[in-house]
Structures are given as structure tokens and as C-alpha cells.
Amino acid sequence: MKALILGIIILFGVIFSVLPTGLGWGTEVLIFLKGALPVIAAFIGLISVFIGVADIKDLHEARKEEGPQQVEKTE
């Protein structure tokens, strides 16, 4: 409950600081986001690659544990 209240207070502070009638930091925030967006996108891409490689390894390990499947012939 404390975390929820603290989060709401912080959100109101952020909204107040970005509004033109508040602290007026809107343009600075946009400049920061424009500069940080490529870095954030690179981290997201890197994490996605790591997750994809881990999924492929898990799939390979699962197939290795199953062993060769024998095909039953029904005549």
C-alpha cells in the first residue's frame, strides 16, 4: 500500500513538473527522450536477442532429453 501511494505521489510530481504552468520542463523532457530512445531501443533489442537464444537452447535441450523417437510400424 505504501508503494502505491508513493507511486501516485511521484506521478503527480512528474505531471506537475512537465506542465507549462508547473515547472515547465516539458521541452527538456522531450529532448532527453529523443536522445535516450535509441539507447533504450538498443537495450530492448539486445535483451530480445538473449531471450531468443535462450529459447532456442531450451528447445534443443528438451529435444535432447526426449531422445530419438521410434516410429511404430502398423501393418
C-alpha atoms as a PDB file:
ATOM      1  CA  MET A   1       0.000   0.000   0.000  1.00  0.00           C
ATOM      2  CA  LYS A   2       2.890   2.338   0.771  1.00  0.00           C
ATOM      3  CA  ALA A   3       4.402   1.700  -2.656  1.00  0.00           C
ATOM      4  CA  LEU A   4       1.105   2.523  -4.372  1.00  0.00           C
ATOM      5  CA  ILE A   5       0.746   5.810  -2.511  1.00  0.00           C
ATOM      6  CA  LEU A   6       4.386   6.724  -3.175  1.00  0.00           C
ATOM      7  CA  GLY A   7       3.972   5.883  -6.869  1.00  0.00           C
ATOM      8  CA  ILE A   8       0.892   8.096  -7.150  1.00  0.00           C
ATOM      9  CA  ILE A   9       2.704  10.981  -5.433  1.00  0.00           C
ATOM     10  CA  ILE A  10       5.675  10.622  -7.781  1.00  0.00           C
ATOM     11  CA  LEU A  11       3.386  10.541 -10.831  1.00  0.00           C
ATOM     12  CA  PHE A  12       1.683  13.744  -9.717  1.00  0.00           C
ATOM     13  CA  GLY A  13       5.120  15.334  -9.235  1.00  0.00           C
ATOM     14  CA  VAL A  14       6.206  14.300 -12.724  1.00  0.00           C
ATOM     15  CA  ILE A  15       2.997  15.621 -14.271  1.00  0.00           C
ATOM     16  CA  PHE A  16       3.381  18.896 -12.358  1.00  0.00           C
ATOM     17  CA  SER A  17       6.999  19.325 -13.490  1.00  0.00           C
ATOM     18  CA  VAL A  18       6.178  18.737 -17.179  1.00  0.00           C
ATOM     19  CA  LEU A  19       3.146  21.062 -17.357  1.00  0.00           C
ATOM     20  CA  PRO A  20       3.801  24.572 -18.641  1.00  0.00           C
ATOM     21  CA  THR A  21       2.081  26.071 -15.586  1.00  0.00           C
ATOM     22  CA  GLY A  22       4.204  23.930 -13.262  1.00  0.00           C
ATOM     23  CA  LEU A  23       7.969  23.813 -13.584  1.00  0.00           C
ATOM     24  CA  GLY A  24       7.827  23.919 -17.393  1.00  0.00           C
ATOM     25  CA  TRP A  25      10.312  21.105 -18.018  1.00  0.00           C
ATOM     26  CA  GLY A  26       8.332  19.734 -20.962  1.00  0.00           C
ATOM     27  CA  THR A  27      10.833  20.674 -23.667  1.00  0.00           C
ATOM     28  CA  GLU A  28      13.787  19.348 -21.659  1.00  0.00           C
ATOM     29  CA  VAL A  29      11.974  16.064 -21.088  1.00  0.00           C
ATOM     30  CA  LEU A  30      11.306  15.727 -24.825  1.00  0.00           C
ATOM     31  CA  ILE A  31      14.962  16.438 -25.631  1.00  0.00           C
ATOM     32  CA  PHE A  32      16.024  13.781 -23.117  1.00  0.00           C
ATOM     33  CA  LEU A  33      13.580  11.239 -24.554  1.00  0.00           C
ATOM     34  CA  LYS A  34      14.782  11.912 -28.104  1.00  0.00           C
ATOM     35  CA  GLY A  35      18.358  11.272 -27.011  1.00  0.00           C
ATOM     36  CA  ALA A  36      17.615   8.267 -24.837  1.00  0.00           C
ATOM     37  CA  LEU A  37      15.262   6.485 -27.251  1.00  0.00           C
ATOM     38  CA  PRO A  38      17.999   4.893 -29.423  1.00  0.00           C
ATOM     39  CA  VAL A  39      19.838   3.649 -26.335  1.00  0.00           C
ATOM     40  CA  ILE A  40      16.647   2.199 -24.850  1.00  0.00           C
ATOM     41  CA  ALA A  41      15.791   0.573 -28.201  1.00  0.00           C
ATOM     42  CA  ALA A  42      19.280  -0.970 -28.370  1.00  0.00           C
ATOM     43  CA  PHE A  43      18.895  -2.453 -24.870  1.00  0.00           C
ATOM     44  CA  ILE A  44      15.455  -3.842 -25.732  1.00  0.00           C
ATOM     45  CA  GLY A  45      16.854  -5.396 -28.923  1.00  0.00           C
ATOM     46  CA  LEU A  46      19.801  -6.903 -27.056  1.00  0.00           C
ATOM     47  CA  ILE A  47      17.540  -8.387 -24.389  1.00  0.00           C
ATOM     48  CA  SER A  48      15.268  -9.802 -27.113  1.00  0.00           C
ATOM     49  CA  VAL A  49      18.237 -11.491 -28.778  1.00  0.00           C
ATOM     50  CA  PHE A  50      19.345 -13.026 -25.463  1.00  0.00           C
ATOM     51  CA  ILE A  51      15.818 -14.310 -24.792  1.00  0.00           C
ATOM     52  CA  GLY A  52      15.612 -15.775 -28.301  1.00  0.00           C
ATOM     53  CA  VAL A  53      18.935 -17.575 -27.930  1.00  0.00           C
ATOM     54  CA  ALA A  54      17.877 -18.937 -24.522  1.00  0.00           C
ATOM     55  CA  ASP A  55      14.601 -20.216 -26.017  1.00  0.00           C
ATOM     56  CA  ILE A  56      16.457 -21.981 -28.811  1.00  0.00           C
ATOM     57  CA  LYS A  57      18.829 -23.589 -26.290  1.00  0.00           C
ATOM     58  CA  ASP A  58      15.893 -24.712 -24.134  1.00  0.00           C
ATOM     59  CA  LEU A  59      14.158 -26.220 -27.155  1.00  0.00           C
ATOM     60  CA  HIS A  60      17.339 -28.041 -28.141  1.00  0.00           C
ATOM     61  CA  GLU A  61      17.798 -29.388 -24.599  1.00  0.00           C
ATOM     62  CA  ALA A  62      14.174 -30.548 -24.463  1.00  0.00           C
ATOM     63  CA  ARG A  63      14.575 -32.441 -27.730  1.00  0.00           C
ATOM     64  CA  LYS A  64      17.837 -33.977 -26.500  1.00  0.00           C
ATOM     65  CA  GLU A  65      16.157 -35.221 -23.287  1.00  0.00           C
ATOM     66  CA  GLU A  66      13.306 -36.840 -25.228  1.00  0.00           C
ATOM     67  CA  GLY A  67      15.787 -38.936 -27.153  1.00  0.00           C
ATOM     68  CA  PRO A  68      15.253 -40.365 -30.599  1.00  0.00           C
ATOM     69  CA  GLN A  69      11.630 -41.156 -31.144  1.00  0.00           C
ATOM     70  CA  GLN A  70      10.951 -44.550 -32.558  1.00  0.00           C
ATOM     71  CA  VAL A  71       8.370 -44.830 -35.272  1.00  0.00           C
ATOM     72  CA  GLU A  72       5.991 -47.758 -34.775  1.00  0.00           C
ATOM     73  CA  LYS A  73       5.051 -49.628 -37.898  1.00  0.00           C
ATOM     74  CA  THR A  74       1.487 -50.842 -38.101  1.00  0.00           C
ATOM     75  CA  GLU A  75       0.849 -53.252 -40.930  1.00  0.00           C
END
